[in-house]
Structure formats: C-alpha cells, structure tokens
C-alpha atoms as a PDB file:
ATOM      1  CA  MET A   1      -6.740  27.498 -20.198  1.00  0.00           C
ATOM      2  CA  SER A   2      -9.613  27.422 -17.733  1.00  0.00           C
ATOM      3  CA  GLU A   3      -9.334  28.531 -14.102  1.00  0.00           C
ATOM      4  CA  THR A   4      -9.930  25.031 -12.766  1.00  0.00           C
ATOM      5  CA  ALA A   5      -7.089  23.590 -14.838  1.00  0.00           C
ATOM      6  CA  SER A   6      -4.602  26.138 -13.527  1.00  0.00           C
ATOM      7  CA  GLN A   7      -5.715  25.632  -9.897  1.00  0.00           C
ATOM      8  CA  GLN A   8      -5.476  21.831  -9.726  1.00  0.00           C
ATOM      9  CA  VAL A   9      -4.377  20.417  -6.425  1.00  0.00           C
ATOM     10  CA  PRO A  10      -1.215  18.316  -6.761  1.00  0.00           C
ATOM     11  CA  ARG A  11      -1.779  14.606  -6.231  1.00  0.00           C
ATOM     12  CA  PRO A  12      -0.026  13.024  -3.284  1.00  0.00           C
ATOM     13  CA  GLU A  13       2.694  10.512  -4.016  1.00  0.00           C
ATOM     14  CA  PRO A  14       1.345   6.933  -4.023  1.00  0.00           C
ATOM     15  CA  LEU A  15       1.962   4.830  -0.931  1.00  0.00           C
ATOM     16  CA  TRP A  16       4.832   2.356  -1.131  1.00  0.00           C
ATOM     17  CA  THR A  17       4.367  -1.380  -0.785  1.00  0.00           C
ATOM     18  CA  VAL A  18       6.412  -3.911   1.137  1.00  0.00           C
ATOM     19  CA  ARG A  19       8.057  -4.848  -2.157  1.00  0.00           C
ATOM     20  CA  ASP A  20       9.026  -1.185  -2.715  1.00  0.00           C
ATOM     21  CA  MET A  21      10.568  -1.100   0.772  1.00  0.00           C
ATOM     22  CA  GLN A  22      12.431  -4.352   0.146  1.00  0.00           C
ATOM     23  CA  SER A  23      14.001  -2.809  -2.924  1.00  0.00           C
ATOM     24  CA  LEU A  24      14.776   0.528  -1.269  1.00  0.00           C
ATOM     25  CA  LEU A  25      16.273  -0.913   1.922  1.00  0.00           C
ATOM     26  CA  ARG A  26      17.634  -4.119   0.384  1.00  0.00           C
ATOM     27  CA  LEU A  27      15.961  -6.184   3.070  1.00  0.00           C
ATOM     28  CA  GLY A  28      13.903  -9.349   2.979  1.00  0.00           C
ATOM     29  CA  ARG A  29      10.133  -9.297   3.020  1.00  0.00           C
ATOM     30  CA  ASN A  30       9.876 -10.750   6.521  1.00  0.00           C
ATOM     31  CA  THR A  31      12.328  -8.166   7.865  1.00  0.00           C
ATOM     32  CA  VAL A  32      10.284  -5.307   6.398  1.00  0.00           C
ATOM     33  CA  TYR A  33       7.103  -6.738   7.963  1.00  0.00           C
ATOM     34  CA  ASP A  34       8.886  -7.232  11.291  1.00  0.00           C
ATOM     35  CA  LEU A  35      10.229  -3.657  11.366  1.00  0.00           C
ATOM     36  CA  ALA A  36       6.777  -2.290  10.492  1.00  0.00           C
ATOM     37  CA  THR A  37       5.040  -4.448  13.114  1.00  0.00           C
ATOM     38  CA  ARG A  38       7.476  -3.393  15.842  1.00  0.00           C
ATOM     39  CA  GLY A  39       7.012   0.278  14.913  1.00  0.00           C
ATOM     40  CA  VAL A  40      10.637   0.734  13.897  1.00  0.00           C
ATOM     41  CA  LEU A  41       9.613   1.550  10.333  1.00  0.00           C
ATOM     42  CA  PRO A  42       6.749   4.067  10.005  1.00  0.00           C
ATOM     43  CA  SER A  43       3.861   2.284   8.308  1.00  0.00           C
ATOM     44  CA  ILE A  44       0.121   2.266   7.773  1.00  0.00           C
ATOM     45  CA  ARG A  45      -2.155  -0.756   7.924  1.00  0.00           C
ATOM     46  CA  ILE A  46      -4.971  -0.821   5.411  1.00  0.00           C
ATOM     47  CA  GLY A  47      -6.925  -3.936   6.219  1.00  0.00           C
ATOM     48  CA  SER A  48      -4.394  -6.743   6.094  1.00  0.00           C
ATOM     49  CA  ARG A  49      -1.984  -4.753   3.915  1.00  0.00           C
ATOM     50  CA  VAL A  50       0.989  -2.696   5.070  1.00  0.00           C
ATOM     51  CA  ARG A  51       1.806   0.513   3.228  1.00  0.00           C
ATOM     52  CA  PHE A  52       4.427   3.212   3.692  1.00  0.00           C
ATOM     53  CA  GLU A  53       4.190   6.982   3.204  1.00  0.00           C
ATOM     54  CA  PRO A  54       7.186   8.084   1.096  1.00  0.00           C
ATOM     55  CA  VAL A  55       7.550  11.397   2.990  1.00  0.00           C
ATOM     56  CA  LYS A  56       7.731   9.614   6.352  1.00  0.00           C
ATOM     57  CA  ILE A  57      10.152   6.981   5.054  1.00  0.00           C
ATOM     58  CA  ARG A  58      12.475   9.660   3.656  1.00  0.00           C
ATOM     59  CA  ALA A  59      12.389  11.505   7.004  1.00  0.00           C
ATOM     60  CA  TRP A  60      13.077   8.221   8.841  1.00  0.00           C
ATOM     61  CA  LEU A  61      16.059   7.515   6.574  1.00  0.00           C
ATOM     62  CA  GLU A  62      17.435  11.045   7.052  1.00  0.00           C
ATOM     63  CA  ALA A  63      17.127  10.730  10.840  1.00  0.00           C
ATOM     64  CA  ARG A  64      18.924   7.364  10.755  1.00  0.00           C
ATOM     65  CA  ALA A  65      21.686   8.840   8.576  1.00  0.00           C
ATOM     66  CA  ALA A  66      22.105  11.757  10.990  1.00  0.00           C
ATOM     67  CA  GLN A  67      22.378   9.364  13.950  1.00  0.00           C
ATOM     68  CA  SER A  68      25.007   7.226  12.250  1.00  0.00           C
ATOM     69  CA  ALA A  69      26.976  10.326  11.204  1.00  0.00           C
ATOM     70  CA  GLN A  70      27.631  11.373  14.793  1.00  0.00           C
ATOM     71  CA  VAL A  71      31.289  11.040  15.709  1.00  0.00           C
ATOM     72  CA  LEU A  72      31.983   9.325  18.987  1.00  0.00           C
ATOM     73  CA  PRO A  73      35.231  10.032  20.863  1.00  0.00           C
ATOM     74  CA  LEU A  74      37.747   7.237  21.160  1.00  0.00           C
ATOM     75  CA  ARG A  75      38.079   5.814  24.630  1.00  0.00           C
ATOM     76  CA  ARG A  76      41.621   4.606  25.158  1.00  0.00           C
ATOM     77  CA  GLY A  77      42.963   2.854  28.171  1.00  0.00           C
ATOM     78  CA  VAL A  78      39.593   1.727  29.458  1.00  0.00           C
END
C-alpha cells in the first residue's frame, strides 16, 4: 500500500437536496423552501438551488429535540 493511499482525506458527506429534506422532515416542498428562506432551517444557496449540510441539519434537529424535551411546570389556578 502506498503512502498516499493510506493518507487519503475523507470525503465530506454530500449536501442534501430539498427532496431529501422533505423525506427526512416529512414536510411539503413549499414548506421546506419557506423554512430555508426564513432562515429557520440552515441552508446554502448555490445559484438558484437550495442545499443543506447534513452536519448542520443534524445539529438543528438535536437542538429542537432538546428544546421540546424541557419540562414546564404546571400552572394551576391561574
């Protein structure tokens, strides 16, 4: 095995498309575009195309899960 073969740099994960996000989030195409345009969903514009970095989407999902997991106290008698 040559030195260059053993020292190859790992390839980054391919960017996700709107269709990939639709499938992952189970949302409609227009909703995915809307969330990306409003900056709610981290995205990248490449010309007229919208793409999503898998690492950033996973972090966004984890942050959303952590927010929804917070327990709020019951307010009785208000």
